[in-house]
Amino acid sequence: MLSFGYWTSPSMWLVVVLVIVLFFGAPKLPQLFKGLGQATREFKEGIDEPETKKK
């Protein structure tokens, strides 16, 4: 069974990055990470917004 420490090791992240490169291809990586950054930013903004009261 895999432990949490396995997922935080640098070698595991290297494997994850290699799989992403093989799956998406190197030319599409900038678009992929740009979209991921935008999604993360919008998610954080959504969390920071105060809840509006329903009428």
N, C-alpha and C. Protein backbone atom coordinates (compact mmCIF):
# COMPACT_ATOMS: atom_id res chain seq x y z
N MET A 1 0.84 -1.17 0.00
CA MET A 1 0.00 0.00 0.00
C MET A 1 0.89 1.24 0.00
N LEU A 2 0.46 2.28 -0.69
CA LEU A 2 1.24 3.50 -0.78
C LEU A 2 0.95 4.40 0.41
N SER A 3 2.00 4.98 0.96
CA SER A 3 1.81 5.91 2.07
C SER A 3 1.84 7.34 1.56
N PHE A 4 1.46 8.28 2.41
CA PHE A 4 1.45 9.69 2.03
C PHE A 4 2.86 10.15 1.68
N GLY A 5 3.86 9.63 2.36
CA GLY A 5 5.24 10.01 2.09
C GLY A 5 5.68 9.68 0.67
N TYR A 6 5.10 8.64 0.12
CA TYR A 6 5.42 8.25 -1.25
C TYR A 6 4.97 9.32 -2.23
N TRP A 7 3.81 9.93 -1.99
CA TRP A 7 3.26 10.93 -2.91
C TRP A 7 3.98 12.26 -2.81
N THR A 8 4.71 12.50 -1.74
CA THR A 8 5.42 13.77 -1.59
C THR A 8 6.89 13.66 -1.97
N SER A 9 7.33 12.50 -2.35
CA SER A 9 8.74 12.34 -2.70
C SER A 9 9.02 12.94 -4.08
N PRO A 10 10.21 13.51 -4.27
CA PRO A 10 10.55 14.10 -5.56
C PRO A 10 10.50 13.10 -6.71
N SER A 11 10.86 11.86 -6.46
CA SER A 11 10.84 10.87 -7.54
C SER A 11 9.41 10.61 -8.02
N MET A 12 8.44 10.65 -7.12
CA MET A 12 7.05 10.45 -7.53
C MET A 12 6.59 11.61 -8.39
N TRP A 13 6.96 12.83 -8.02
CA TRP A 13 6.56 14.00 -8.82
C TRP A 13 7.21 13.95 -10.20
N LEU A 14 8.41 13.43 -10.29
CA LEU A 14 9.06 13.27 -11.59
C LEU A 14 8.27 12.30 -12.46
N VAL A 15 7.82 11.21 -11.88
CA VAL A 15 7.01 10.25 -12.63
C VAL A 15 5.70 10.90 -13.08
N VAL A 16 5.06 11.66 -12.21
CA VAL A 16 3.81 12.34 -12.56
C VAL A 16 4.03 13.31 -13.71
N VAL A 17 5.09 14.09 -13.65
CA VAL A 17 5.39 15.05 -14.72
C VAL A 17 5.66 14.32 -16.04
N LEU A 18 6.40 13.23 -15.99
CA LEU A 18 6.67 12.47 -17.22
C LEU A 18 5.40 11.90 -17.82
N VAL A 19 4.49 11.43 -17.00
CA VAL A 19 3.22 10.90 -17.51
C VAL A 19 2.41 12.02 -18.15
N ILE A 20 2.40 13.20 -17.52
CA ILE A 20 1.68 14.34 -18.09
C ILE A 20 2.27 14.73 -19.44
N VAL A 21 3.59 14.77 -19.53
CA VAL A 21 4.24 15.12 -20.79
C VAL A 21 3.91 14.09 -21.86
N LEU A 22 3.93 12.82 -21.51
CA LEU A 22 3.60 11.79 -22.49
C LEU A 22 2.14 11.85 -22.91
N PHE A 23 1.26 12.17 -21.98
CA PHE A 23 -0.17 12.19 -22.27
C PHE A 23 -0.57 13.41 -23.09
N PHE A 24 -0.10 14.59 -22.70
CA PHE A 24 -0.51 15.83 -23.37
C PHE A 24 0.46 16.27 -24.46
N GLY A 25 1.70 15.89 -24.36
CA GLY A 25 2.70 16.34 -25.31
C GLY A 25 3.32 17.65 -24.83
N ALA A 26 4.58 17.84 -25.13
CA ALA A 26 5.30 19.02 -24.65
C ALA A 26 4.74 20.34 -25.17
N PRO A 27 4.29 20.45 -26.42
CA PRO A 27 3.79 21.74 -26.91
C PRO A 27 2.53 22.23 -26.19
N LYS A 28 1.73 21.33 -25.65
CA LYS A 28 0.48 21.74 -25.01
C LYS A 28 0.64 22.03 -23.52
N LEU A 29 1.80 21.78 -22.95
CA LEU A 29 1.99 21.98 -21.52
C LEU A 29 1.76 23.42 -21.07
N PRO A 30 2.27 24.44 -21.79
CA PRO A 30 1.99 25.81 -21.34
C PRO A 30 0.50 26.12 -21.25
N GLN A 31 -0.27 25.65 -22.22
CA GLN A 31 -1.73 25.86 -22.19
C GLN A 31 -2.34 25.14 -20.99
N LEU A 32 -1.89 23.93 -20.74
CA LEU A 32 -2.42 23.14 -19.64
C LEU A 32 -2.19 23.84 -18.30
N PHE A 33 -0.95 24.30 -18.08
CA PHE A 33 -0.63 24.93 -16.80
C PHE A 33 -1.26 26.32 -16.69
N LYS A 34 -1.44 27.01 -17.80
CA LYS A 34 -2.14 28.30 -17.78
C LYS A 34 -3.58 28.10 -17.34
N GLY A 35 -4.24 27.11 -17.91
CA GLY A 35 -5.62 26.81 -17.53
C GLY A 35 -5.73 26.37 -16.08
N LEU A 36 -4.75 25.59 -15.62
CA LEU A 36 -4.74 25.14 -14.24
C LEU A 36 -4.56 26.33 -13.29
N GLY A 37 -3.69 27.26 -13.66
CA GLY A 37 -3.48 28.45 -12.84
C GLY A 37 -4.72 29.32 -12.78
N GLN A 38 -5.39 29.49 -13.91
CA GLN A 38 -6.62 30.29 -13.94
C GLN A 38 -7.71 29.63 -13.09
N ALA A 39 -7.84 28.34 -13.19
CA ALA A 39 -8.86 27.63 -12.40
C ALA A 39 -8.57 27.76 -10.91
N THR A 40 -7.31 27.65 -10.53
CA THR A 40 -6.94 27.79 -9.13
C THR A 40 -7.23 29.19 -8.63
N ARG A 41 -6.90 30.19 -9.44
CA ARG A 41 -7.14 31.58 -9.07
C ARG A 41 -8.64 31.85 -8.89
N GLU A 42 -9.45 31.37 -9.82
CA GLU A 42 -10.90 31.56 -9.71
C GLU A 42 -11.47 30.82 -8.51
N PHE A 43 -10.95 29.66 -8.21
CA PHE A 43 -11.41 28.91 -7.04
C PHE A 43 -11.11 29.68 -5.76
N LYS A 44 -9.89 30.23 -5.65
CA LYS A 44 -9.53 31.00 -4.46
C LYS A 44 -10.37 32.26 -4.34
N GLU A 45 -10.64 32.93 -5.46
CA GLU A 45 -11.49 34.12 -5.43
C GLU A 45 -12.90 33.75 -4.99
N GLY A 46 -13.40 32.62 -5.43
CA GLY A 46 -14.73 32.17 -5.04
C GLY A 46 -14.82 31.86 -3.55
N ILE A 47 -13.75 31.33 -3.00
CA ILE A 47 -13.73 31.04 -1.56
C ILE A 47 -13.68 32.33 -0.75
N ASP A 48 -12.94 33.32 -1.23
CA ASP A 48 -12.78 34.57 -0.49
C ASP A 48 -14.01 35.46 -0.53
N GLU A 49 -14.89 35.27 -1.50
CA GLU A 49 -16.09 36.11 -1.60
C GLU A 49 -17.02 35.83 -0.42
N PRO A 50 -17.58 36.89 0.15
CA PRO A 50 -18.55 36.65 1.23
C PRO A 50 -19.82 36.03 0.66
N GLU A 51 -20.45 35.21 1.44
CA GLU A 51 -21.67 34.56 0.99
C GLU A 51 -22.79 35.60 0.89
N THR A 52 -23.53 35.54 -0.18
CA THR A 52 -24.66 36.46 -0.33
C THR A 52 -25.89 35.82 0.29
N LYS A 53 -26.70 36.65 0.89
CA LYS A 53 -27.92 36.14 1.53
C LYS A 53 -28.99 35.92 0.48
N LYS A 54 -29.66 34.82 0.59
CA LYS A 54 -30.75 34.52 -0.34
C LYS A 54 -32.01 35.22 0.15
N LYS A 55 -32.76 35.78 -0.77
CA LYS A 55 -33.99 36.49 -0.40
C LYS A 55 -35.16 35.57 -0.40
